[in-house]
Each structure stands twice: as C-alpha cells, then as structure tokens.
C-alpha cells in the first residue's frame, strides 16, 4: 500500500495533476460569478426580472467553484505543460456551460444547444448569435453578452494570471502559453503576472476611451459600453438587430473602424506606442503587411461594388467597404451594410479576409498575418534555393530568423486549421445546408469572426443551424480561439501517456 501511494504521488509517474486542476477551475468559476454581478445590478437598476436569474446563477456558479477550490485537496501544486493545456480547455468549456444559464432561464429563452453556442460565441469573441431579436432581450442579458466578449478578448486565464500572484511561476507560464499562443510572447513584463497586468491595463484604458467616444455620438451609455466591449475585443455582438447599420452614423463607423483596427494590432506594439516608441509600428513587417492587405482588399472590393452596380451615395464606396474590410480582417463581424449585394468577388474576399485575420498578439482570430508572412517568405526562399541549391538563405520577419522547426509548426497549424474548416463545412453540408453558406459559416466560426452569409446572413441567423450543427460550430469556435493545438492535442494518445 505504501509503495502504491508513493508511486501515485511521484511526479515522474503522474500523468496529470487533476486535483490541482479542479482547484484552479473552482477559483476561475468564482471569478466568473463575480463578473455576473455586473449584469445582475444592471437588471436591478432597470427594474428587469432577469436579476433573479443572474442572482441564482451567481449562487450556483460560486457554490460549485467554492466546492472545487476549498473541498478538494491536492498533494502537489505543480502543473506541467499537459496540465496547462487541459485546464485551459476546461476553463473555456466550463465558463460557457455556466455562462449559458442566463440565456436559458432569462428573457432570451434559448435551449441548451443555443445557450452554449451563444456563450461560447461570446467568450471566444466570435460574435455569431442565435438570438434573432436581441432588442427584446433585457439590458442585463445584453450587458452579459458584451461582457463575455470583453473577458474573452485577452483571455480568461490571462485575467486570472493578472490577479492571482501565486500563479506567477511555471504553472502560470504553461497556462499562459496554452491560451495566448496568439497574444504575445514578447517580453512586456519580467514576470507573467506583470505581463498580464500590463496587457489588461492597456486593454481597460483603450476600452474606456472608446466608451466615452461612442457616448458622445448617437448611442446611449449602455449601448456605448456594449459596443466598446465588442469592438476592442473584436467580438461583434450588438444591441441592435441590424448591428451598426441601425445607427446610420458615419461618426460611429469611423470611431469603430479606428478601434477595431487597434484591436487587430499586436499588443506589444500598442505597448511600445504607450511607451513613446511609435516608430516601432512602421518598422514592424507584420503591421505594414496589415495596412497593405487592407488597401488591396479595399481596391478589389470597390471593383466588385462598381461591377455589381450597388453604389448608392458616397458612403457605399468609401466608409462602408472600409468598415466591412476592417471588421472582417479583425474578426469583429460588425455589420454596416449588406455586403452580400456587392458581388461574388466581395464574398470571396470576405472569406479570405476572415481566414487570414489580422496580427498575432491581438484579440483577433484567423490564421494570422504573421504566419502568412512566414510561409510567403519561406516559399520565396525555397524558390530561390531551387534555382541556386548551394546558396544559404534564411527566412526573417522583423529581423528575427525563423527556424525550420518554427516553419514546420506553422505548416502543421495551417493543415489542421484548414482541415477543421473543411470538416465543419462538410458536416454542415451533410445537414442539408447550402454548400456555400456551410463553408462560409465554418470559416466564420473557426476564425472567430461571426459574419454570416445566405442562410446565416442578414436575412437569416445562426439559429437556423440544427442542434448538432450548433455543437460542431461551438467546437470550431473553441479550436480557433485556442489556436488549434491546445485542444487538438487532447485527442492524441501521447497526451494521456506518462
């Protein structure tokens, strides 16, 4: 018996530290319950009955969290790389499971598959919604939708690392890399906690500025808060059924364009601007590529609009296409017009923009411009090497040499990411979805974008997806948010071996 006990606690033979994972999960659920206090107070202030739903959900979530945190005892608090991957995936799933309760029992009256889809769409900042008439929802529900996106923008785990000093060690580092493989690996702070606090500090300041700017315009204070949360997190949930088009305001579109663009930039560059090193922006290869792609997509979209003959006033060929391009590239998914009427070229460009996304290190989804640059330069390098086999050439982005191992990782990511995208499209097609709409929805969900076309577009909704389709798309949202590897690795046998 003693021998068995010793082996069970030996870190060399232990596969995963489940007790410690559950304790951390309990801590995070308590944090989620604290966030729910905000929409509960909004309901109370506005005299809405949904405050009861939020109050009961807070008690239930905090109760389960407290049981996990205080009643489970772990013999060791060490977490390895595998623990970091598993706990990160579990956090996003559990947050969505508890976060869906207000949707199911509140004024939105969603079923389980719809509620989980809506919650996962919020936390992953996808912005695809199954609520056809959001204007009928209580203000508390609208605030909760926006708040889930704001939390998910930089990441649930990253927020936890900022407020729990005890995670400023190897286990915090493993969780950080598992969740924010797309945020930044640049050294903003000397410690993980400092990095998390710096990122969330900038995030909060930018959000506050956007709230004030929107409040000056035609939006109410609550709408300003909700749209600011959705824009800077590049989420896309709106308080209006027609999204941004409902406000019919050039001012709102321009302001949101600027801040969606900021949300698409690597936060380490934003930090450099905060520190007074604005020149670092233009020196950055990825940032310049981001601007270039926006310009190219605008010209091609303009050609498509002119060819389709849908120009109706100066906004239709200036503000609206620029807004749509930035919204699509940054995976925000706000709607300012009917892009489906701009022609087939505009539709294809939208799919490509959603697929590529913006900069790594931002709050956006998609394949990321950084990876595209790596592969483009590597392809060009291989072409030159084919002509001159003896020449020694390296691939560099931002004066950093890209190792062959890094290139192989990017190629693997591309194959898995694209494979999941096609698998989602095929599965939706098998559910009698129109094939173009099926693949558009699949690209939109795995890139955490939220835009819809055809069945899920302006005249439709994601609530038209069958129940199985909603679960499939929810999985794609999670896989896209965690950048594939953290969740796909769980399906590997080697992950569960000692």
Protein backbone atom coordinates (compact mmCIF):
# COMPACT_ATOMS: atom_id res chain seq x y z
CA UNK A 1 0.00 0.00 0.00
CA UNK A 2 2.82 2.36 0.87
CA UNK A 3 4.52 1.59 -2.40
CA UNK A 4 1.36 2.31 -4.37
CA UNK A 5 0.86 5.61 -2.53
CA UNK A 6 4.41 6.68 -3.25
CA UNK A 7 4.06 5.89 -6.93
CA UNK A 8 0.76 7.73 -7.11
CA UNK A 9 2.36 10.95 -5.87
CA UNK A 10 5.57 10.65 -7.81
CA UNK A 11 5.59 13.48 -10.40
CA UNK A 12 7.53 11.24 -12.77
CA UNK A 13 4.72 8.68 -12.93
CA UNK A 14 1.77 11.04 -12.60
CA UNK A 15 0.15 11.86 -15.93
CA UNK A 16 -1.91 14.90 -14.88
CA UNK A 17 -2.50 16.70 -11.61
CA UNK A 18 -6.30 16.56 -11.65
CA UNK A 19 -6.86 17.78 -8.05
CA UNK A 20 -4.85 20.95 -8.66
CA UNK A 21 -6.64 21.49 -11.97
CA UNK A 22 -10.01 21.25 -10.24
CA UNK A 23 -8.92 23.71 -7.54
CA UNK A 24 -7.85 26.22 -10.19
CA UNK A 25 -11.08 25.63 -12.09
CA UNK A 26 -13.02 26.38 -8.92
CA UNK A 27 -11.09 29.64 -8.48
CA UNK A 28 -11.95 30.65 -12.03
CA UNK A 29 -15.64 29.83 -11.61
CA UNK A 30 -15.75 32.12 -8.58
CA UNK A 31 -14.29 34.86 -10.78
CA UNK A 32 -16.99 34.21 -13.41
CA UNK A 33 -19.65 34.51 -10.70
CA UNK A 34 -18.19 37.88 -9.68
CA UNK A 35 -18.43 39.09 -13.30
CA UNK A 36 -22.11 38.11 -13.34
CA UNK A 37 -22.78 40.64 -10.60
CA UNK A 38 -22.49 43.41 -13.22
CA UNK A 39 -25.48 42.34 -15.40
CA UNK A 40 -27.41 41.45 -12.23
CA UNK A 41 -27.02 45.03 -10.98
CA UNK A 42 -28.00 46.37 -14.41
CA UNK A 43 -31.22 44.33 -14.24
CA UNK A 44 -31.94 45.60 -10.73
CA UNK A 45 -31.31 49.21 -11.72
CA UNK A 46 -33.54 48.89 -14.81
CA UNK A 47 -36.28 47.00 -12.96
CA UNK A 48 -35.92 43.82 -15.03
CA UNK A 49 -36.90 40.40 -13.69
CA UNK A 50 -33.75 38.77 -15.08
CA UNK A 51 -31.92 39.87 -11.94
CA UNK A 52 -33.37 36.78 -10.25
CA UNK A 53 -31.87 34.54 -12.95
CA UNK A 54 -28.48 36.17 -12.59
CA UNK A 55 -28.66 36.05 -8.78
CA UNK A 56 -29.41 32.31 -8.78
CA UNK A 57 -26.73 31.68 -11.43
CA UNK A 58 -24.20 33.59 -9.32
CA UNK A 59 -25.02 31.47 -6.28
CA UNK A 60 -24.84 28.23 -8.26
CA UNK A 61 -21.59 29.13 -10.06
CA UNK A 62 -19.89 30.46 -6.93
CA UNK A 63 -21.11 27.44 -4.96
CA UNK A 64 -19.64 24.92 -7.40
CA UNK A 65 -16.47 26.98 -7.61
CA UNK A 66 -16.12 27.10 -3.83
CA UNK A 67 -16.60 23.34 -3.53
CA UNK A 68 -13.85 22.72 -6.08
CA UNK A 69 -11.49 25.30 -4.59
CA UNK A 70 -11.88 24.61 -0.87
CA UNK A 71 -13.03 20.98 -0.61
CA UNK A 72 -10.51 19.37 -2.95
CA UNK A 73 -7.02 18.85 -1.57
CA UNK A 74 -4.07 18.42 -3.89
CA UNK A 75 -0.93 16.69 -2.66
CA UNK A 76 1.12 18.83 -5.04
CA UNK A 77 0.51 22.21 -6.63
CA UNK A 78 2.85 21.51 -9.54
CA UNK A 79 1.37 21.78 -13.02
CA UNK A 80 3.12 20.60 -16.16
CA UNK A 81 2.70 21.54 -19.79
CA UNK A 82 -0.03 18.93 -20.27
CA UNK A 83 -1.87 20.26 -17.22
CA UNK A 84 -1.70 23.75 -18.71
CA UNK A 85 -3.32 22.60 -21.96
CA UNK A 86 -6.08 20.63 -20.27
CA UNK A 87 -7.01 23.23 -17.63
CA UNK A 88 -7.09 25.95 -20.29
CA UNK A 89 -9.53 23.98 -22.46
CA UNK A 90 -11.65 23.08 -19.42
CA UNK A 91 -11.83 26.72 -18.33
CA UNK A 92 -13.32 27.86 -21.64
CA UNK A 93 -15.79 24.98 -21.70
CA UNK A 94 -16.87 25.44 -18.08
CA UNK A 95 -17.19 29.21 -18.46
CA UNK A 96 -19.50 28.62 -21.43
CA UNK A 97 -21.53 25.97 -19.58
CA UNK A 98 -22.18 28.24 -16.59
CA UNK A 99 -22.33 31.37 -18.76
CA UNK A 100 -25.18 29.92 -20.82
CA UNK A 101 -27.55 29.67 -17.82
CA UNK A 102 -28.79 33.30 -18.05
CA UNK A 103 -29.59 32.71 -21.74
CA UNK A 104 -31.58 29.57 -20.99
CA UNK A 105 -33.56 30.83 -17.99
CA UNK A 106 -33.58 34.55 -18.82
CA UNK A 107 -35.53 36.66 -21.28
CA UNK A 108 -33.75 35.23 -24.34
CA UNK A 109 -35.35 31.76 -23.71
CA UNK A 110 -32.71 29.69 -25.52
CA UNK A 111 -32.43 25.91 -25.32
CA UNK A 112 -29.22 24.16 -24.21
CA UNK A 113 -27.53 23.93 -27.62
CA UNK A 114 -28.43 27.55 -28.40
CA UNK A 115 -27.37 28.78 -24.98
CA UNK A 116 -23.99 27.03 -25.16
CA UNK A 117 -23.46 28.34 -28.71
CA UNK A 118 -24.23 31.91 -27.61
CA UNK A 119 -21.96 31.68 -24.55
CA UNK A 120 -19.09 30.09 -26.48
CA UNK A 121 -19.54 32.68 -29.23
CA UNK A 122 -19.23 35.40 -26.62
CA UNK A 123 -16.22 34.11 -24.70
CA UNK A 124 -14.33 33.23 -27.90
CA UNK A 125 -15.24 36.70 -29.31
CA UNK A 126 -16.82 35.09 -32.37
CA UNK A 127 -19.97 37.19 -32.31
CA UNK A 128 -22.23 34.71 -34.14
CA UNK A 129 -25.63 34.83 -32.49
CA UNK A 130 -28.69 32.59 -32.36
CA UNK A 131 -30.86 35.35 -30.87
CA UNK A 132 -32.95 36.69 -33.73
CA UNK A 133 -34.36 39.68 -31.87
CA UNK A 134 -31.70 40.97 -29.48
CA UNK A 135 -33.70 44.15 -28.93
CA UNK A 136 -36.26 42.08 -26.99
CA UNK A 137 -33.61 40.87 -24.53
CA UNK A 138 -33.23 42.50 -21.14
CA UNK A 139 -30.46 45.04 -20.68
CA UNK A 140 -28.80 42.65 -18.29
CA UNK A 141 -28.58 39.96 -20.98
CA UNK A 142 -27.15 42.49 -23.44
CA UNK A 143 -24.51 43.56 -20.93
CA UNK A 144 -23.65 39.91 -20.18
CA UNK A 145 -23.22 39.18 -23.91
CA UNK A 146 -20.87 42.15 -24.25
CA UNK A 147 -19.01 41.34 -21.03
CA UNK A 148 -18.32 37.75 -22.11
CA UNK A 149 -16.62 39.10 -25.23
CA UNK A 150 -14.59 41.64 -23.30
CA UNK A 151 -13.39 38.93 -20.90
CA UNK A 152 -12.56 36.59 -23.76
CA UNK A 153 -10.76 39.27 -25.77
CA UNK A 154 -7.46 38.92 -23.92
CA UNK A 155 -8.37 35.62 -22.34
CA UNK A 156 -9.92 34.17 -19.20
CA UNK A 157 -6.68 32.61 -18.00
CA UNK A 158 -4.71 35.79 -18.71
CA UNK A 159 -7.09 37.75 -16.47
CA UNK A 160 -6.60 35.16 -13.74
CA UNK A 161 -2.81 35.39 -14.04
CA UNK A 162 -3.10 39.14 -13.52
CA UNK A 163 -4.95 38.87 -10.21
CA UNK A 164 -3.55 35.66 -8.66
CA UNK A 165 0.10 36.20 -7.60
CA UNK A 166 0.56 32.50 -6.76
CA UNK A 167 0.37 31.66 -10.47
CA UNK A 168 3.46 33.73 -11.24
CA UNK A 169 5.53 30.58 -11.79
CA UNK A 170 5.89 27.61 -14.13
CA UNK A 171 2.23 26.57 -13.90
CA UNK A 172 1.14 30.09 -14.80
CA UNK A 173 3.60 30.08 -17.70
CA UNK A 174 2.19 26.81 -19.07
CA UNK A 175 -1.37 28.15 -18.87
CA UNK A 176 -0.25 31.44 -20.46
CA UNK A 177 1.28 29.72 -23.49
CA UNK A 178 -1.66 27.32 -23.84
CA UNK A 179 -4.21 30.15 -24.00
CA UNK A 180 -2.37 33.03 -25.62
CA UNK A 181 -0.33 31.39 -28.34
CA UNK A 182 -1.64 34.24 -30.46
CA UNK A 183 -1.40 37.10 -27.94
CA UNK A 184 2.27 37.81 -27.49
CA UNK A 185 5.44 36.07 -26.48
CA UNK A 186 7.32 39.36 -26.43
CA UNK A 187 8.70 40.33 -23.07
CA UNK A 188 6.40 43.13 -21.95
CA UNK A 189 6.93 42.32 -18.29
CA UNK A 190 9.70 40.50 -16.48
CA UNK A 191 7.16 38.18 -14.86
CA UNK A 192 4.00 36.52 -16.15
CA UNK A 193 1.83 38.48 -13.69
CA UNK A 194 3.40 41.77 -14.81
CA UNK A 195 2.78 40.91 -18.45
CA UNK A 196 -0.86 40.04 -17.73
CA UNK A 197 -1.42 43.22 -15.69
CA UNK A 198 0.19 45.39 -18.37
CA UNK A 199 -1.94 43.88 -21.14
CA UNK A 200 -5.17 44.19 -19.15
CA UNK A 201 -4.27 47.73 -18.08
CA UNK A 202 -3.85 48.88 -21.69
CA UNK A 203 -6.97 46.94 -22.67
CA UNK A 204 -9.06 48.68 -19.99
CA UNK A 205 -7.74 52.17 -20.86
CA UNK A 206 -8.46 51.73 -24.58
CA UNK A 207 -11.94 50.40 -23.77
CA UNK A 208 -12.72 53.38 -21.53
CA UNK A 209 -11.65 55.83 -24.25
CA UNK A 210 -13.89 54.08 -26.78
CA UNK A 211 -16.88 54.13 -24.40
CA UNK A 212 -16.55 57.90 -24.00
CA UNK A 213 -16.18 58.48 -27.75
CA UNK A 214 -19.25 56.39 -28.58
CA UNK A 215 -21.28 58.01 -25.81
CA UNK A 216 -20.66 61.42 -27.40
CA UNK A 217 -22.39 60.13 -30.56
CA UNK A 218 -25.91 58.75 -31.05
CA UNK A 219 -25.51 55.83 -28.62
CA UNK A 220 -26.88 55.65 -25.10
CA UNK A 221 -24.41 54.93 -22.30
CA UNK A 222 -25.38 51.25 -22.15
CA UNK A 223 -25.05 50.88 -25.92
CA UNK A 224 -21.69 52.64 -25.79
CA UNK A 225 -20.43 50.19 -23.17
CA UNK A 226 -21.71 47.13 -25.04
CA UNK A 227 -20.31 48.19 -28.41
CA UNK A 228 -17.00 49.30 -26.89
CA UNK A 229 -16.62 45.88 -25.23
CA UNK A 230 -17.49 44.17 -28.51
CA UNK A 231 -15.23 46.35 -30.68
CA UNK A 232 -11.98 46.31 -28.72
CA UNK A 233 -12.33 42.57 -28.10
CA UNK A 234 -13.11 42.19 -31.83
CA UNK A 235 -16.21 40.27 -30.80
CA UNK A 236 -19.08 41.86 -32.72
CA UNK A 237 -22.17 41.40 -30.54
CA UNK A 238 -24.52 44.36 -30.93
CA UNK A 239 -27.54 45.65 -29.04
CA UNK A 240 -29.39 46.18 -32.33
CA UNK A 241 -30.78 43.60 -34.77
CA UNK A 242 -29.23 45.44 -37.71
CA UNK A 243 -25.93 45.89 -35.87
CA UNK A 244 -24.04 49.14 -36.62
CA UNK A 245 -26.16 49.86 -39.69
CA UNK A 246 -29.05 50.60 -37.32
CA UNK A 247 -27.36 53.80 -36.08
CA UNK A 248 -26.85 55.18 -39.62
CA UNK A 249 -23.95 57.28 -38.33
CA UNK A 250 -20.69 58.00 -40.14
CA UNK A 251 -19.20 59.09 -36.82
CA UNK A 252 -19.90 55.71 -35.19
CA UNK A 253 -18.48 53.82 -38.16
CA UNK A 254 -15.28 55.86 -38.25
CA UNK A 255 -14.69 55.59 -34.49
CA UNK A 256 -15.31 51.84 -34.53
CA UNK A 257 -13.04 51.44 -37.57
CA UNK A 258 -10.17 53.02 -35.65
CA UNK A 259 -10.65 50.87 -32.55
CA UNK A 260 -11.31 47.64 -34.44
CA UNK A 261 -8.03 48.32 -36.21
CA UNK A 262 -6.31 48.83 -32.84
CA UNK A 263 -7.81 45.52 -31.69
CA UNK A 264 -6.18 43.88 -34.71
CA UNK A 265 -2.66 45.11 -33.86
CA UNK A 266 -0.17 43.18 -31.74
CA UNK A 267 -0.48 44.43 -28.17
CA UNK A 268 3.29 44.55 -27.77
CA UNK A 269 3.28 47.24 -30.49
CA UNK A 270 0.49 49.11 -28.72
CA UNK A 271 2.59 48.89 -25.57
CA UNK A 272 5.52 50.40 -27.49
CA UNK A 273 3.28 53.31 -28.55
CA UNK A 274 2.23 53.77 -24.91
CA UNK A 275 5.93 53.97 -24.02
CA UNK A 276 6.57 56.58 -26.72
CA UNK A 277 8.13 54.34 -29.36
CA UNK A 278 5.60 54.97 -32.14
CA UNK A 279 8.27 54.37 -34.81
CA UNK A 280 8.22 50.68 -33.91
CA UNK A 281 4.86 50.44 -35.67
CA UNK A 282 6.16 51.25 -39.14
CA UNK A 283 9.34 49.22 -38.61
CA UNK A 284 7.22 46.13 -37.97
CA UNK A 285 6.86 43.88 -41.04
CA UNK A 286 3.53 42.45 -39.91
CA UNK A 287 1.98 45.87 -39.24
CA UNK A 288 2.98 47.08 -42.70
CA UNK A 289 1.53 43.91 -44.23
CA UNK A 290 -1.69 44.54 -42.29
CA UNK A 291 -2.03 48.01 -43.81
CA UNK A 292 -1.13 46.71 -47.26
CA UNK A 293 -3.77 43.98 -47.14
CA UNK A 294 -6.43 46.49 -46.06
CA UNK A 295 -5.52 48.67 -49.05
CA UNK A 296 -5.54 45.77 -51.54
CA UNK A 297 -8.83 44.40 -50.24
CA UNK A 298 -10.41 47.85 -50.43
CA UNK A 299 -9.45 48.29 -54.09
CA UNK A 300 -10.72 44.82 -55.03
CA UNK A 301 -13.93 45.28 -53.03
CA UNK A 302 -14.51 48.64 -54.71
CA UNK A 303 -14.15 46.96 -58.12
CA UNK A 304 -16.72 44.35 -57.05
CA UNK A 305 -19.15 47.04 -55.84
CA UNK A 306 -18.83 49.02 -59.05
CA UNK A 307 -19.29 45.88 -61.15
CA UNK A 308 -22.39 44.89 -59.15
CA UNK A 309 -23.80 48.40 -59.54
CA UNK A 310 -24.66 48.80 -55.86
CA UNK A 311 -23.20 52.29 -55.32
CA UNK A 312 -25.80 54.43 -53.55
CA UNK A 313 -24.11 57.55 -52.28
CA UNK A 314 -20.54 58.27 -51.23
CA UNK A 315 -20.66 56.03 -48.14
CA UNK A 316 -21.32 52.93 -50.24
CA UNK A 317 -17.87 53.11 -51.86
CA UNK A 318 -15.87 54.73 -49.05
CA UNK A 319 -16.92 54.23 -45.42
CA UNK A 320 -18.97 51.03 -45.80
CA UNK A 321 -16.36 48.90 -47.64
CA UNK A 322 -13.53 50.10 -45.37
CA UNK A 323 -15.65 49.33 -42.29
CA UNK A 324 -16.51 45.88 -43.66
CA UNK A 325 -12.88 45.08 -44.51
CA UNK A 326 -11.56 46.04 -41.08
CA UNK A 327 -14.48 44.27 -39.41
CA UNK A 328 -13.78 41.08 -41.39
CA UNK A 329 -9.99 41.14 -41.09
CA UNK A 330 -10.05 41.80 -37.35
CA UNK A 331 -12.71 39.08 -36.86
CA UNK A 332 -15.08 41.63 -35.27
CA UNK A 333 -18.01 40.84 -37.54
CA UNK A 334 -19.95 44.09 -37.09
CA UNK A 335 -22.40 44.72 -39.92
CA UNK A 336 -22.69 48.16 -41.51
CA UNK A 337 -24.32 47.18 -44.78
CA UNK A 338 -25.39 44.28 -46.98
CA UNK A 339 -22.01 43.07 -48.30
CA UNK A 340 -23.79 40.10 -49.92
CA UNK A 341 -25.12 42.52 -52.56
CA UNK A 342 -21.60 43.67 -53.52
CA UNK A 343 -20.98 40.78 -55.91
CA UNK A 344 -19.29 37.38 -55.83
CA UNK A 345 -15.78 38.85 -55.68
CA UNK A 346 -16.63 40.69 -52.46
CA UNK A 347 -17.96 37.43 -50.98
CA UNK A 348 -14.77 35.53 -51.86
CA UNK A 349 -12.62 38.36 -50.48
CA UNK A 350 -14.62 38.30 -47.25
CA UNK A 351 -13.93 34.57 -46.83
CA UNK A 352 -10.21 35.13 -47.44
CA UNK A 353 -10.10 38.07 -45.02
CA UNK A 354 -11.83 36.01 -42.33
CA UNK A 355 -9.45 33.12 -42.95
CA UNK A 356 -6.26 35.20 -42.74
CA UNK A 357 -7.31 37.57 -39.93
CA UNK A 358 -5.05 40.29 -38.52
CA UNK A 359 -1.87 40.32 -36.40
CA UNK A 360 -0.79 37.71 -33.88
CA UNK A 361 -0.65 39.19 -30.42
CA UNK A 362 -4.03 40.90 -30.91
CA UNK A 363 -7.57 39.98 -29.84
CA UNK A 364 -8.40 38.75 -33.35
CA UNK A 365 -8.93 35.27 -34.76
CA UNK A 366 -7.94 33.71 -38.05
CA UNK A 367 -4.72 32.23 -39.42
CA UNK A 368 -2.86 35.50 -38.67
CA UNK A 369 -0.81 37.71 -40.98
CA UNK A 370 2.39 36.73 -39.15
CA UNK A 371 2.08 33.10 -40.22
CA UNK A 372 1.15 34.14 -43.74
CA UNK A 373 4.34 36.22 -43.91
CA UNK A 374 6.43 33.33 -42.62
CA UNK A 375 5.05 30.97 -45.24
CA UNK A 376 5.28 33.53 -48.06
CA UNK A 377 8.92 34.30 -47.30
CA UNK A 378 9.72 30.62 -46.85
CA UNK A 379 8.10 29.82 -50.21
CA UNK A 380 10.11 32.56 -51.91
CA UNK A 381 13.24 31.29 -50.20
CA UNK A 382 12.63 27.74 -51.44
CA UNK A 383 12.08 29.02 -54.99
CA UNK A 384 15.45 30.78 -54.91
CA UNK A 385 17.08 27.71 -53.40
CA UNK A 386 15.68 25.59 -56.23
CA UNK A 387 17.48 27.87 -58.70
CA UNK A 388 20.67 28.03 -56.60
CA UNK A 389 20.86 24.83 -54.46
CA UNK A 390 24.20 25.74 -52.88
CA UNK A 391 23.10 29.15 -51.65
CA UNK A 392 22.45 29.61 -47.93
CA UNK A 393 19.33 31.64 -47.25
CA UNK A 394 17.32 32.36 -44.12
CA UNK A 395 13.75 33.45 -43.52
CA UNK A 396 13.40 36.50 -41.27
CA UNK A 397 10.41 38.54 -40.07
CA UNK A 398 11.07 41.70 -38.04
CA UNK A 399 14.79 40.88 -38.15
CA UNK A 400 14.17 37.57 -36.38
CA UNK A 401 15.26 34.43 -38.17
CA UNK A 402 12.52 31.83 -38.46
CA UNK A 403 13.89 28.39 -37.61
CA UNK A 404 12.92 25.29 -39.63
CA UNK A 405 11.17 23.96 -36.50
CA UNK A 406 9.02 27.10 -36.35
CA UNK A 407 8.22 26.79 -40.07
CA UNK A 408 7.16 23.15 -39.59
CA UNK A 409 4.92 24.20 -36.71
CA UNK A 410 3.24 26.84 -38.89
CA UNK A 411 2.71 24.36 -41.72
CA UNK A 412 1.19 21.88 -39.26
CA UNK A 413 -1.08 24.65 -37.93
CA UNK A 414 -2.15 25.53 -41.48
CA UNK A 415 -3.04 21.92 -42.29
CA UNK A 416 -5.01 21.31 -39.08
CA UNK A 417 -6.72 24.72 -39.19
CA UNK A 418 -7.75 24.28 -42.84
CA UNK A 419 -8.73 20.67 -42.25
CA UNK A 420 -11.07 21.62 -39.41
CA UNK A 421 -12.55 24.39 -41.55
CA UNK A 422 -13.33 21.93 -44.37
CA UNK A 423 -14.63 19.33 -41.91
CA UNK A 424 -17.06 21.88 -40.46
CA UNK A 425 -18.24 22.86 -43.92
CA UNK A 426 -18.72 19.23 -44.95
CA UNK A 427 -20.67 18.40 -41.80
CA UNK A 428 -22.99 21.38 -42.26
CA UNK A 429 -23.49 20.43 -45.91
CA UNK A 430 -24.44 16.92 -44.76
CA UNK A 431 -27.14 18.59 -42.63
CA UNK A 432 -28.75 19.96 -45.84
CA UNK A 433 -27.14 23.39 -45.53
CA UNK A 434 -26.37 25.17 -48.86
CA UNK A 435 -22.71 24.37 -49.56
CA UNK A 436 -21.51 27.99 -49.89
CA UNK A 437 -23.31 29.01 -46.70
CA UNK A 438 -21.97 25.92 -44.91
CA UNK A 439 -18.34 26.69 -45.70
CA UNK A 440 -18.80 30.41 -45.05
CA UNK A 441 -20.21 29.62 -41.60
CA UNK A 442 -17.38 27.17 -40.92
CA UNK A 443 -14.71 29.73 -41.83
CA UNK A 444 -16.54 32.37 -39.79
CA UNK A 445 -16.68 30.21 -36.65
CA UNK A 446 -13.15 28.81 -36.68
CA UNK A 447 -11.76 32.28 -37.37
CA UNK A 448 -13.91 33.68 -34.51
CA UNK A 449 -15.49 36.16 -36.87
CA UNK A 450 -19.27 35.83 -36.64
CA UNK A 451 -20.20 37.18 -40.06
CA UNK A 452 -22.91 35.22 -41.85
CA UNK A 453 -23.89 34.75 -45.47
CA UNK A 454 -27.02 33.39 -47.08
CA UNK A 455 -28.86 31.26 -44.52
CA UNK A 456 -26.84 32.79 -41.65
CA UNK A 457 -26.62 36.26 -43.22
CA UNK A 458 -28.67 39.43 -42.89
CA UNK A 459 -31.98 37.76 -43.74
CA UNK A 460 -31.13 34.63 -41.73
CA UNK A 461 -29.49 33.68 -38.47
CA UNK A 462 -27.29 31.05 -36.85
CA UNK A 463 -30.39 29.81 -35.02
CA UNK A 464 -31.25 28.06 -38.31
CA UNK A 465 -28.38 25.64 -37.67
CA UNK A 466 -29.59 22.25 -36.45
CA UNK A 467 -28.70 21.38 -32.84
CA UNK A 468 -25.78 19.16 -33.93
CA UNK A 469 -24.55 21.95 -36.19
CA UNK A 470 -24.50 24.38 -33.26
CA UNK A 471 -22.32 21.98 -31.24
CA UNK A 472 -19.98 21.49 -34.20
CA UNK A 473 -19.63 25.24 -34.70
CA UNK A 474 -19.11 25.71 -30.95
CA UNK A 475 -16.19 23.27 -31.15
CA UNK A 476 -14.73 25.19 -34.10
CA UNK A 477 -15.02 28.46 -32.15
CA UNK A 478 -13.08 26.96 -29.24
CA UNK A 479 -10.47 25.39 -31.51
CA UNK A 480 -9.99 28.69 -33.32
CA UNK A 481 -9.74 30.72 -30.09
CA UNK A 482 -7.13 28.38 -28.59
CA UNK A 483 -5.35 28.25 -31.96
CA UNK A 484 -5.98 24.56 -32.59
CA UNK A 485 -3.03 22.89 -30.86
CA UNK A 486 -4.19 23.29 -27.24
CA UNK A 487 -7.44 21.44 -27.96
CA UNK A 488 -6.41 19.05 -30.75
CA UNK A 489 -3.59 17.67 -28.63
CA UNK A 490 -6.21 16.34 -26.19
CA UNK A 491 -7.23 13.82 -28.87
CA UNK A 492 -3.71 12.44 -29.07
CA UNK A 493 -2.80 9.20 -27.29
CA UNK A 494 0.61 10.56 -26.36
CA UNK A 495 -1.05 13.33 -24.33
CA UNK A 496 -2.54 10.83 -21.89
CA UNK A 497 0.58 8.70 -21.55
CA UNK A 498 3.12 9.11 -18.76
